[in-house]
């Protein structure tokens, strides 16, 4: 029994979600191999070989892998899939784009966003916006699985000594082509990787009022997030959204400001280690998951917090 993990990377460095996926793979039992499909990504393959628990790294190098186009990566996965009992990828936009294609070609049912491995064929995954946990048992010969990174600790990035094996790259499928990439630039940490997040909700009142949160985020070295209500109202960009239809996060500290706590938002952040809620409504649902709650006007409380932090 051997598990293949599809590495998420930018050809220069591994994404942190890959480390969480390796942890899930180890729990499936047997050896763990990692596939790095990229262009001039030898450094990424070398980094993958250092991950604790990985016994082999497969490196496929070609120009058409440079931008991680799902059609090409999926074909590369299928080309090496023989002999693997499990194929895992992070439940990120990358993994959600690649693995359904792999599962369809293998004629198996994908198991999405697992948060626990009970055994080699049995897994747990959240349903109903995280209000229930489904235990799913698969009888498919190959288990194709996306892994919710917040459900597993990251594997140690060093300490491993896996062999790196070069594999033949599949031909360009020609089904899609890279056109351009626009990346939002920020001096703050990336939302899904941040250890501290300060999020605002509809209670902020306007996009301009989000500036009130910036000094707090600066003091804590935090990423900025938002509820769907704030995003839908046009207060902040879509890539700030935390929740069931946004980004799933589990930082060490999550500060929710002016967020009522709709079930969809809670689904995206309730695994945070410490949750602090600031809301003027003492009955707000967010207080049901908060470790610390402050009932008060956010426009008074937040500046006081910043002052206390010095």
C-alpha atoms as a PDB file:
ATOM      1  CA  UNK A   1       0.000   0.000   0.000  1.00  0.00           C
ATOM      2  CA  UNK A   2       1.538   3.287  -1.165  1.00  0.00           C
ATOM      3  CA  UNK A   3       0.109   6.799  -1.186  1.00  0.00           C
ATOM      4  CA  UNK A   4       0.880   9.477  -3.773  1.00  0.00           C
ATOM      5  CA  UNK A   5       0.713  13.122  -2.701  1.00  0.00           C
ATOM      6  CA  UNK A   6       0.411  15.780  -5.411  1.00  0.00           C
ATOM      7  CA  UNK A   7       2.647  18.654  -4.348  1.00  0.00           C
ATOM      8  CA  UNK A   8       1.318  22.190  -4.591  1.00  0.00           C
ATOM      9  CA  UNK A   9       4.067  24.677  -5.382  1.00  0.00           C
ATOM     10  CA  UNK A  10       5.041  27.726  -7.437  1.00  0.00           C
ATOM     11  CA  UNK A  11       8.161  26.133  -8.993  1.00  0.00           C
ATOM     12  CA  UNK A  12      10.272  27.886  -6.360  1.00  0.00           C
ATOM     13  CA  UNK A  13       8.879  26.617  -3.059  1.00  0.00           C
ATOM     14  CA  UNK A  14       6.384  24.117  -1.696  1.00  0.00           C
ATOM     15  CA  UNK A  15       3.085  25.453  -0.419  1.00  0.00           C
ATOM     16  CA  UNK A  16       2.425  24.748   3.250  1.00  0.00           C
ATOM     17  CA  UNK A  17      -0.720  22.774   2.371  1.00  0.00           C
ATOM     18  CA  UNK A  18       1.508  20.038   0.951  1.00  0.00           C
ATOM     19  CA  UNK A  19       2.965  19.389   4.410  1.00  0.00           C
ATOM     20  CA  UNK A  20      -0.512  18.917   5.912  1.00  0.00           C
ATOM     21  CA  UNK A  21      -1.398  16.560   3.089  1.00  0.00           C
ATOM     22  CA  UNK A  22       1.699  14.463   3.755  1.00  0.00           C
ATOM     23  CA  UNK A  23       0.558  14.053   7.372  1.00  0.00           C
ATOM     24  CA  UNK A  24      -2.785  12.702   6.147  1.00  0.00           C
ATOM     25  CA  UNK A  25      -0.964  10.391   3.730  1.00  0.00           C
ATOM     26  CA  UNK A  26       1.191   8.953   6.504  1.00  0.00           C
ATOM     27  CA  UNK A  27      -1.971   8.164   8.487  1.00  0.00           C
ATOM     28  CA  UNK A  28      -3.276   6.130   5.532  1.00  0.00           C
ATOM     29  CA  UNK A  29      -0.416   3.692   6.137  1.00  0.00           C
ATOM     30  CA  UNK A  30       2.335   2.394   3.896  1.00  0.00           C
ATOM     31  CA  UNK A  31       4.921   4.408   1.998  1.00  0.00           C
ATOM     32  CA  UNK A  32       4.366   8.002   0.938  1.00  0.00           C
ATOM     33  CA  UNK A  33       5.541   9.317  -2.431  1.00  0.00           C
ATOM     34  CA  UNK A  34       5.283  12.937  -3.596  1.00  0.00           C
ATOM     35  CA  UNK A  35       4.802  14.029  -7.211  1.00  0.00           C
ATOM     36  CA  UNK A  36       6.321  17.375  -8.164  1.00  0.00           C
ATOM     37  CA  UNK A  37       5.114  18.389 -11.628  1.00  0.00           C
ATOM     38  CA  UNK A  38       6.629  21.722 -12.596  1.00  0.00           C
ATOM     39  CA  UNK A  39       9.131  23.628 -14.684  1.00  0.00           C
ATOM     40  CA  UNK A  40      12.648  24.236 -13.398  1.00  0.00           C
ATOM     41  CA  UNK A  41      11.365  23.012 -10.043  1.00  0.00           C
ATOM     42  CA  UNK A  42      14.336  20.866  -8.979  1.00  0.00           C
ATOM     43  CA  UNK A  43      14.551  22.912  -5.783  1.00  0.00           C
ATOM     44  CA  UNK A  44      10.959  22.036  -4.963  1.00  0.00           C
ATOM     45  CA  UNK A  45      11.670  18.337  -5.516  1.00  0.00           C
ATOM     46  CA  UNK A  46      14.689  18.585  -3.225  1.00  0.00           C
ATOM     47  CA  UNK A  47      12.564  20.280  -0.564  1.00  0.00           C
ATOM     48  CA  UNK A  48       9.901  17.575  -0.887  1.00  0.00           C
ATOM     49  CA  UNK A  49      12.603  14.940  -0.331  1.00  0.00           C
ATOM     50  CA  UNK A  50      13.352  16.543   3.031  1.00  0.00           C
ATOM     51  CA  UNK A  51       9.786  16.183   4.349  1.00  0.00           C
ATOM     52  CA  UNK A  52       9.568  13.744   7.237  1.00  0.00           C
ATOM     53  CA  UNK A  53       7.622  10.618   6.267  1.00  0.00           C
ATOM     54  CA  UNK A  54       8.246  10.830   2.514  1.00  0.00           C
ATOM     55  CA  UNK A  55      10.104   7.853   1.007  1.00  0.00           C
ATOM     56  CA  UNK A  56      10.275   8.902  -2.673  1.00  0.00           C
ATOM     57  CA  UNK A  57       9.814  12.027  -4.784  1.00  0.00           C
ATOM     58  CA  UNK A  58       8.751  11.791  -8.429  1.00  0.00           C
ATOM     59  CA  UNK A  59       9.889  14.809 -10.433  1.00  0.00           C
ATOM     60  CA  UNK A  60       8.317  15.597 -13.806  1.00  0.00           C
ATOM     61  CA  UNK A  61       9.735  18.667 -15.536  1.00  0.00           C
ATOM     62  CA  UNK A  62       8.228  20.373 -18.571  1.00  0.00           C
ATOM     63  CA  UNK A  63       7.401  23.907 -19.669  1.00  0.00           C
ATOM     64  CA  UNK A  64       3.672  23.130 -19.810  1.00  0.00           C
ATOM     65  CA  UNK A  65       3.680  22.391 -16.061  1.00  0.00           C
ATOM     66  CA  UNK A  66       4.952  25.876 -15.239  1.00  0.00           C
ATOM     67  CA  UNK A  67       1.555  27.280 -14.292  1.00  0.00           C
ATOM     68  CA  UNK A  68      -0.054  24.167 -12.844  1.00  0.00           C
ATOM     69  CA  UNK A  69      -2.756  23.828 -15.495  1.00  0.00           C
ATOM     70  CA  UNK A  70      -5.113  21.164 -14.201  1.00  0.00           C
ATOM     71  CA  UNK A  71      -5.466  19.303 -17.515  1.00  0.00           C
ATOM     72  CA  UNK A  72      -1.718  18.730 -17.772  1.00  0.00           C
ATOM     73  CA  UNK A  73      -1.094  17.961 -14.103  1.00  0.00           C
ATOM     74  CA  UNK A  74      -3.985  15.487 -14.035  1.00  0.00           C
ATOM     75  CA  UNK A  75      -2.555  13.630 -17.039  1.00  0.00           C
ATOM     76  CA  UNK A  76       0.815  13.434 -15.290  1.00  0.00           C
ATOM     77  CA  UNK A  77      -0.836  12.014 -12.178  1.00  0.00           C
ATOM     78  CA  UNK A  78      -2.620   9.396 -14.285  1.00  0.00           C
ATOM     79  CA  UNK A  79       0.645   8.483 -15.993  1.00  0.00           C
ATOM     80  CA  UNK A  80       2.212   7.467 -12.665  1.00  0.00           C
ATOM     81  CA  UNK A  81      -0.939   6.367 -10.839  1.00  0.00           C
ATOM     82  CA  UNK A  82      -0.447   2.629 -11.331  1.00  0.00           C
ATOM     83  CA  UNK A  83       0.355   0.832  -8.105  1.00  0.00           C
ATOM     84  CA  UNK A  84      -0.887   3.549  -5.754  1.00  0.00           C
ATOM     85  CA  UNK A  85      -3.679   2.770  -3.326  1.00  0.00           C
ATOM     86  CA  UNK A  86      -4.320   6.429  -2.419  1.00  0.00           C
ATOM     87  CA  UNK A  87      -3.862   9.680  -4.351  1.00  0.00           C
ATOM     88  CA  UNK A  88      -4.032  12.816  -2.195  1.00  0.00           C
ATOM     89  CA  UNK A  89      -3.875  16.553  -2.831  1.00  0.00           C
ATOM     90  CA  UNK A  90      -4.612  19.619  -0.696  1.00  0.00           C
ATOM     91  CA  UNK A  91      -8.225  20.822  -0.722  1.00  0.00           C
ATOM     92  CA  UNK A  92      -7.124  24.141  -2.205  1.00  0.00           C
ATOM     93  CA  UNK A  93      -8.102  25.621  -5.554  1.00  0.00           C
ATOM     94  CA  UNK A  94      -5.172  23.651  -6.986  1.00  0.00           C
ATOM     95  CA  UNK A  95      -6.223  20.272  -5.579  1.00  0.00           C
ATOM     96  CA  UNK A  96      -9.915  20.875  -6.269  1.00  0.00           C
ATOM     97  CA  UNK A  97      -9.044  21.582  -9.890  1.00  0.00           C
ATOM     98  CA  UNK A  98      -6.790  18.578 -10.483  1.00  0.00           C
ATOM     99  CA  UNK A  99      -8.155  15.624  -8.516  1.00  0.00           C
ATOM    100  CA  UNK A 100     -11.756  15.512  -9.826  1.00  0.00           C
ATOM    101  CA  UNK A 101     -10.262  14.990 -13.291  1.00  0.00           C
ATOM    102  CA  UNK A 102      -8.097  12.176 -11.942  1.00  0.00           C
ATOM    103  CA  UNK A 103     -11.015  10.531 -10.160  1.00  0.00           C
ATOM    104  CA  UNK A 104     -13.196  10.715 -13.269  1.00  0.00           C
ATOM    105  CA  UNK A 105     -10.516   9.144 -15.464  1.00  0.00           C
ATOM    106  CA  UNK A 106      -9.971   6.379 -12.891  1.00  0.00           C
ATOM    107  CA  UNK A 107     -13.754   5.905 -12.596  1.00  0.00           C
ATOM    108  CA  UNK A 108     -13.751   6.253  -8.806  1.00  0.00           C
ATOM    109  CA  UNK A 109     -15.633   8.496  -6.383  1.00  0.00           C
ATOM    110  CA  UNK A 110     -13.525  11.317  -4.996  1.00  0.00           C
ATOM    111  CA  UNK A 111     -13.636  11.881  -1.233  1.00  0.00           C
ATOM    112  CA  UNK A 112     -13.425  15.614  -0.623  1.00  0.00           C
ATOM    113  CA  UNK A 113     -11.956  17.692   2.196  1.00  0.00           C
ATOM    114  CA  UNK A 114     -11.211  14.974   4.726  1.00  0.00           C
ATOM    115  CA  UNK A 115     -10.321  16.098   8.240  1.00  0.00           C
ATOM    116  CA  UNK A 116      -9.449  12.709   9.733  1.00  0.00           C
ATOM    117  CA  UNK A 117      -8.137   9.316   8.634  1.00  0.00           C
ATOM    118  CA  UNK A 118      -9.733   6.518  10.628  1.00  0.00           C
ATOM    119  CA  UNK A 119      -8.209   3.707   8.582  1.00  0.00           C
ATOM    120  CA  UNK A 120      -6.899   3.039   5.098  1.00  0.00           C
ATOM    121  CA  UNK A 121     -10.446   3.017   3.687  1.00  0.00           C
ATOM    122  CA  UNK A 122     -12.416   5.147   6.173  1.00  0.00           C
ATOM    123  CA  UNK A 123     -12.294   8.921   6.520  1.00  0.00           C
ATOM    124  CA  UNK A 124     -14.126  11.802   8.143  1.00  0.00           C
ATOM    125  CA  UNK A 125     -15.260  14.920   6.316  1.00  0.00           C
ATOM    126  CA  UNK A 126     -17.482  17.856   7.330  1.00  0.00           C
ATOM    127  CA  UNK A 127     -20.943  18.293   5.814  1.00  0.00           C
ATOM    128  CA  UNK A 128     -23.747  20.822   6.290  1.00  0.00           C
ATOM    129  CA  UNK A 129     -21.281  23.712   6.688  1.00  0.00           C
ATOM    130  CA  UNK A 130     -19.377  21.779   9.300  1.00  0.00           C
ATOM    131  CA  UNK A 131     -22.388  21.103  11.522  1.00  0.00           C
ATOM    132  CA  UNK A 132     -22.073  17.369  11.021  1.00  0.00           C
ATOM    133  CA  UNK A 133     -19.183  15.035  10.354  1.00  0.00           C
ATOM    134  CA  UNK A 134     -19.695  12.253   7.839  1.00  0.00           C
ATOM    135  CA  UNK A 135     -17.719   9.026   8.153  1.00  0.00           C
ATOM    136  CA  UNK A 136     -17.067   7.777   4.631  1.00  0.00           C
ATOM    137  CA  UNK A 137     -15.831   4.302   3.743  1.00  0.00           C
ATOM    138  CA  UNK A 138     -14.556   3.682   0.235  1.00  0.00           C
ATOM    139  CA  UNK A 139     -14.365   0.342  -1.523  1.00  0.00           C
ATOM    140  CA  UNK A 140     -12.695   1.811  -4.605  1.00  0.00           C
ATOM    141  CA  UNK A 141      -9.385   0.237  -5.548  1.00  0.00           C
ATOM    142  CA  UNK A 142      -7.795   3.694  -5.581  1.00  0.00           C
ATOM    143  CA  UNK A 143      -8.850   6.320  -3.057  1.00  0.00           C
ATOM    144  CA  UNK A 144      -8.726   9.824  -4.579  1.00  0.00           C
ATOM    145  CA  UNK A 145      -8.866  12.339  -1.757  1.00  0.00           C
ATOM    146  CA  UNK A 146      -8.544  16.063  -1.122  1.00  0.00           C
ATOM    147  CA  UNK A 147      -7.292  17.012   2.331  1.00  0.00           C
ATOM    148  CA  UNK A 148      -8.488  19.995   4.352  1.00  0.00           C
ATOM    149  CA  UNK A 149      -5.210  21.358   5.689  1.00  0.00           C
ATOM    150  CA  UNK A 150      -6.754  22.681   8.906  1.00  0.00           C
ATOM    151  CA  UNK A 151      -7.599  19.106   9.920  1.00  0.00           C
ATOM    152  CA  UNK A 152      -3.991  17.907  10.031  1.00  0.00           C
ATOM    153  CA  UNK A 153      -0.771  19.210  11.531  1.00  0.00           C
ATOM    154  CA  UNK A 154       1.976  20.052   9.069  1.00  0.00           C
ATOM    155  CA  UNK A 155       4.625  17.378   8.587  1.00  0.00           C
ATOM    156  CA  UNK A 156       8.150  18.418   9.515  1.00  0.00           C
ATOM    157  CA  UNK A 157       9.744  20.122   6.511  1.00  0.00           C
ATOM    158  CA  UNK A 158      13.152  18.694   7.388  1.00  0.00           C
ATOM    159  CA  UNK A 159      14.477  15.401   8.642  1.00  0.00           C
ATOM    160  CA  UNK A 160      13.551  13.257   5.668  1.00  0.00           C
ATOM    161  CA  UNK A 161      15.939  11.788   3.118  1.00  0.00           C
ATOM    162  CA  UNK A 162      13.784  10.548   0.241  1.00  0.00           C
ATOM    163  CA  UNK A 163      15.206   9.633  -3.135  1.00  0.00           C
ATOM    164  CA  UNK A 164      14.310  11.916  -6.048  1.00  0.00           C
ATOM    165  CA  UNK A 165      13.357  10.014  -9.208  1.00  0.00           C
ATOM    166  CA  UNK A 166      12.925  11.767 -12.551  1.00  0.00           C
ATOM    167  CA  UNK A 167       9.865  10.560 -14.441  1.00  0.00           C
ATOM    168  CA  UNK A 168       8.940  11.179 -18.068  1.00  0.00           C
ATOM    169  CA  UNK A 169       6.710  14.204 -18.496  1.00  0.00           C
ATOM    170  CA  UNK A 170       3.462  13.685 -20.385  1.00  0.00           C
ATOM    171  CA  UNK A 171       2.839  15.746 -23.513  1.00  0.00           C
ATOM    172  CA  UNK A 172       0.951  19.028 -23.333  1.00  0.00           C
ATOM    173  CA  UNK A 173      -2.752  18.171 -23.515  1.00  0.00           C
ATOM    174  CA  UNK A 174      -3.451  21.316 -25.517  1.00  0.00           C
ATOM    175  CA  UNK A 175      -6.811  21.659 -23.778  1.00  0.00           C
ATOM    176  CA  UNK A 176      -5.940  24.876 -21.986  1.00  0.00           C
ATOM    177  CA  UNK A 177      -3.356  27.616 -22.171  1.00  0.00           C
ATOM    178  CA  UNK A 178      -1.949  30.051 -19.649  1.00  0.00           C
ATOM    179  CA  UNK A 179      -2.886  33.627 -20.483  1.00  0.00           C
ATOM    180  CA  UNK A 180      -1.942  35.834 -17.546  1.00  0.00           C
ATOM    181  CA  UNK A 181      -1.691  35.965 -13.781  1.00  0.00           C
ATOM    182  CA  UNK A 182      -2.734  38.837 -11.551  1.00  0.00           C
ATOM    183  CA  UNK A 183      -1.672  38.497  -7.933  1.00  0.00           C
ATOM    184  CA  UNK A 184      -2.831  40.795  -5.180  1.00  0.00           C
ATOM    185  CA  UNK A 185       0.281  42.092  -3.458  1.00  0.00           C
ATOM    186  CA  UNK A 186       0.319  42.671   0.277  1.00  0.00           C
ATOM    187  CA  UNK A 187       2.864  43.142   2.998  1.00  0.00           C
ATOM    188  CA  UNK A 188       0.665  41.068   5.275  1.00  0.00           C
ATOM    189  CA  UNK A 189       0.826  37.261   5.643  1.00  0.00           C
ATOM    190  CA  UNK A 190      -1.173  35.103   3.223  1.00  0.00           C
ATOM    191  CA  UNK A 191      -4.579  34.466   4.764  1.00  0.00           C
ATOM    192  CA  UNK A 192      -4.573  30.657   4.821  1.00  0.00           C
ATOM    193  CA  UNK A 193      -1.015  30.516   6.211  1.00  0.00           C
ATOM    194  CA  UNK A 194      -1.257  33.321   8.797  1.00  0.00           C
ATOM    195  CA  UNK A 195      -0.841  32.573  12.497  1.00  0.00           C
ATOM    196  CA  UNK A 196      -2.983  35.574  13.432  1.00  0.00           C
ATOM    197  CA  UNK A 197      -6.012  36.881  11.533  1.00  0.00           C
ATOM    198  CA  UNK A 198      -8.088  40.002  12.152  1.00  0.00           C
ATOM    199  CA  UNK A 199     -11.444  39.795  10.361  1.00  0.00           C
ATOM    200  CA  UNK A 200     -14.213  42.339   9.948  1.00  0.00           C
ATOM    201  CA  UNK A 201     -17.862  41.840   9.189  1.00  0.00           C
ATOM    202  CA  UNK A 202     -20.916  43.786   8.120  1.00  0.00           C
ATOM    203  CA  UNK A 203     -20.753  45.569  11.468  1.00  0.00           C
ATOM    204  CA  UNK A 204     -17.772  47.521  10.151  1.00  0.00           C
ATOM    205  CA  UNK A 205     -20.300  49.624   8.241  1.00  0.00           C
ATOM    206  CA  UNK A 206     -18.117  50.464   5.240  1.00  0.00           C
ATOM    207  CA  UNK A 207     -14.892  49.634   3.458  1.00  0.00           C
ATOM    208  CA  UNK A 208     -13.257  52.786   4.800  1.00  0.00           C
ATOM    209  CA  UNK A 209     -13.952  51.632   8.354  1.00  0.00           C
ATOM    210  CA  UNK A 210     -11.777  48.548   7.787  1.00  0.00           C
ATOM    211  CA  UNK A 211      -8.848  50.936   8.222  1.00  0.00           C
ATOM    212  CA  UNK A 212      -9.674  50.862  11.932  1.00  0.00           C
ATOM    213  CA  UNK A 213      -8.503  47.243  11.965  1.00  0.00           C
ATOM    214  CA  UNK A 214      -5.156  47.928  10.288  1.00  0.00           C
ATOM    215  CA  UNK A 215      -3.298  49.194  13.396  1.00  0.00           C
ATOM    216  CA  UNK A 216      -4.452  46.078  15.294  1.00  0.00           C
ATOM    217  CA  UNK A 217      -3.309  43.809  12.469  1.00  0.00           C
ATOM    218  CA  UNK A 218      -0.003  45.703  12.302  1.00  0.00           C
ATOM    219  CA  UNK A 219       0.628  45.241  16.020  1.00  0.00           C
ATOM    220  CA  UNK A 220      -0.046  41.497  15.784  1.00  0.00           C
ATOM    221  CA  UNK A 221       1.598  40.849  12.412  1.00  0.00           C
ATOM    222  CA  UNK A 222      -1.781  39.572  11.285  1.00  0.00           C
ATOM    223  CA  UNK A 223      -3.500  38.883   7.988  1.00  0.00           C
ATOM    224  CA  UNK A 224      -6.757  40.682   7.246  1.00  0.00           C
ATOM    225  CA  UNK A 225      -9.947  38.746   6.610  1.00  0.00           C
ATOM    226  CA  UNK A 226     -13.669  39.347   6.288  1.00  0.00           C
ATOM    227  CA  UNK A 227     -17.055  37.685   6.401  1.00  0.00           C
ATOM    228  CA  UNK A 228     -19.037  37.040   3.244  1.00  0.00           C
ATOM    229  CA  UNK A 229     -21.478  39.789   4.227  1.00  0.00           C
ATOM    230  CA  UNK A 230     -18.647  42.331   4.208  1.00  0.00           C
ATOM    231  CA  UNK A 231     -17.352  41.037   0.866  1.00  0.00           C
ATOM    232  CA  UNK A 232     -20.810  40.992  -0.724  1.00  0.00           C
ATOM    233  CA  UNK A 233     -21.352  44.566   0.465  1.00  0.00           C
ATOM    234  CA  UNK A 234     -18.211  45.565  -1.422  1.00  0.00           C
ATOM    235  CA  UNK A 235     -16.287  46.591   1.685  1.00  0.00           C
ATOM    236  CA  UNK A 236     -13.219  44.489   0.850  1.00  0.00           C
ATOM    237  CA  UNK A 237     -11.929  42.208  -1.962  1.00  0.00           C
ATOM    238  CA  UNK A 238     -13.141  38.641  -2.480  1.00  0.00           C
ATOM    239  CA  UNK A 239      -9.781  37.143  -1.530  1.00  0.00           C
ATOM    240  CA  UNK A 240     -10.313  38.331   2.055  1.00  0.00           C
ATOM    241  CA  UNK A 241     -13.368  36.116   2.523  1.00  0.00           C
ATOM    242  CA  UNK A 242     -13.259  33.528   5.294  1.00  0.00           C
ATOM    243  CA  UNK A 243     -16.002  30.901   5.388  1.00  0.00           C
ATOM    244  CA  UNK A 244     -17.610  27.931   3.728  1.00  0.00           C
ATOM    245  CA  UNK A 245     -17.520  29.624   0.312  1.00  0.00           C
ATOM    246  CA  UNK A 246     -14.275  31.467   1.060  1.00  0.00           C
ATOM    247  CA  UNK A 247     -11.042  30.377   2.670  1.00  0.00           C
ATOM    248  CA  UNK A 248     -10.831  27.803   5.465  1.00  0.00           C
ATOM    249  CA  UNK A 249      -8.418  28.988   8.149  1.00  0.00           C
ATOM    250  CA  UNK A 250      -7.159  27.739  11.503  1.00  0.00           C
ATOM    251  CA  UNK A 251      -4.709  30.319  12.886  1.00  0.00           C
ATOM    252  CA  UNK A 252      -3.339  30.449  16.408  1.00  0.00           C
ATOM    253  CA  UNK A 253      -5.447  33.590  17.015  1.00  0.00           C
ATOM    254  CA  UNK A 254      -8.586  34.722  15.175  1.00  0.00           C
ATOM    255  CA  UNK A 255     -10.110  38.091  16.053  1.00  0.00           C
ATOM    256  CA  UNK A 256     -13.644  38.564  14.712  1.00  0.00           C
ATOM    257  CA  UNK A 257     -14.747  42.196  14.694  1.00  0.00           C
ATOM    258  CA  UNK A 258     -18.330  43.119  13.895  1.00  0.00           C
ATOM    259  CA  UNK A 259     -19.036  39.585  12.691  1.00  0.00           C
ATOM    260  CA  UNK A 260     -22.352  38.099  13.825  1.00  0.00           C
ATOM    261  CA  UNK A 261     -21.235  34.528  13.233  1.00  0.00           C
ATOM    262  CA  UNK A 262     -23.368  33.103  10.450  1.00  0.00           C
ATOM    263  CA  UNK A 263     -22.990  29.353  10.139  1.00  0.00           C
ATOM    264  CA  UNK A 264     -21.147  29.726   6.823  1.00  0.00           C
ATOM    265  CA  UNK A 265     -18.505  31.936   8.424  1.00  0.00           C
ATOM    266  CA  UNK A 266     -18.091  29.674  11.451  1.00  0.00           C
ATOM    267  CA  UNK A 267     -17.445  26.755   9.104  1.00  0.00           C
ATOM    268  CA  UNK A 268     -14.361  28.558   7.843  1.00  0.00           C
ATOM    269  CA  UNK A 269     -12.708  29.551  11.128  1.00  0.00           C
ATOM    270  CA  UNK A 270     -14.018  27.544  14.071  1.00  0.00           C
ATOM    271  CA  UNK A 271     -10.894  25.360  14.172  1.00  0.00           C
ATOM    272  CA  UNK A 272      -8.811  28.415  15.136  1.00  0.00           C
ATOM    273  CA  UNK A 273      -6.856  27.773  18.334  1.00  0.00           C
ATOM    274  CA  UNK A 274      -8.054  30.942  20.125  1.00  0.00           C
ATOM    275  CA  UNK A 275     -11.054  32.982  18.973  1.00  0.00           C
ATOM    276  CA  UNK A 276     -11.731  36.530  20.185  1.00  0.00           C
ATOM    277  CA  UNK A 277     -15.076  38.121  19.251  1.00  0.00           C
ATOM    278  CA  UNK A 278     -15.948  41.811  19.417  1.00  0.00           C
ATOM    279  CA  UNK A 279     -19.614  42.606  18.847  1.00  0.00           C
ATOM    280  CA  UNK A 280     -22.160  44.967  20.363  1.00  0.00           C
ATOM    281  CA  UNK A 281     -24.875  42.269  20.272  1.00  0.00           C
ATOM    282  CA  UNK A 282     -24.473  39.955  23.288  1.00  0.00           C
ATOM    283  CA  UNK A 283     -26.661  37.370  21.532  1.00  0.00           C
ATOM    284  CA  UNK A 284     -24.489  37.174  18.414  1.00  0.00           C
ATOM    285  CA  UNK A 285     -23.804  33.527  17.439  1.00  0.00           C
ATOM    286  CA  UNK A 286     -20.058  34.251  17.188  1.00  0.00           C
ATOM    287  CA  UNK A 287     -19.883  34.240  20.991  1.00  0.00           C
ATOM    288  CA  UNK A 288     -20.884  30.554  21.027  1.00  0.00           C
ATOM    289  CA  UNK A 289     -17.512  29.582  19.531  1.00  0.00           C
ATOM    290  CA  UNK A 290     -15.394  32.393  20.990  1.00  0.00           C
ATOM    291  CA  UNK A 291     -12.841  31.723  23.730  1.00  0.00           C
ATOM    292  CA  UNK A 292     -12.986  35.390  24.667  1.00  0.00           C
ATOM    293  CA  UNK A 293     -15.865  37.748  23.951  1.00  0.00           C
ATOM    294  CA  UNK A 294     -16.033  41.525  24.225  1.00  0.00           C
ATOM    295  CA  UNK A 295     -19.507  43.071  24.094  1.00  0.00           C
ATOM    296  CA  UNK A 296     -19.123  46.644  22.986  1.00  0.00           C
ATOM    297  CA  UNK A 297     -18.846  49.174  20.178  1.00  0.00           C
ATOM    298  CA  UNK A 298     -16.025  48.029  17.912  1.00  0.00           C
ATOM    299  CA  UNK A 299     -15.163  51.647  17.098  1.00  0.00           C
ATOM    300  CA  UNK A 300     -14.286  52.118  20.774  1.00  0.00           C
ATOM    301  CA  UNK A 301     -12.970  48.654  21.642  1.00  0.00           C
ATOM    302  CA  UNK A 302     -10.495  48.219  18.764  1.00  0.00           C
ATOM    303  CA  UNK A 303      -8.603  51.498  19.384  1.00  0.00           C
ATOM    304  CA  UNK A 304      -8.425  50.584  23.086  1.00  0.00           C
ATOM    305  CA  UNK A 305      -6.949  47.188  22.201  1.00  0.00           C
ATOM    306  CA  UNK A 306      -4.345  48.835  19.985  1.00  0.00           C
ATOM    307  CA  UNK A 307      -3.457  51.243  22.797  1.00  0.00           C
ATOM    308  CA  UNK A 308      -3.083  48.378  25.283  1.00  0.00           C
ATOM    309  CA  UNK A 309      -0.797  46.528  22.888  1.00  0.00           C
ATOM    310  CA  UNK A 310       1.490  49.539  22.928  1.00  0.00           C
END
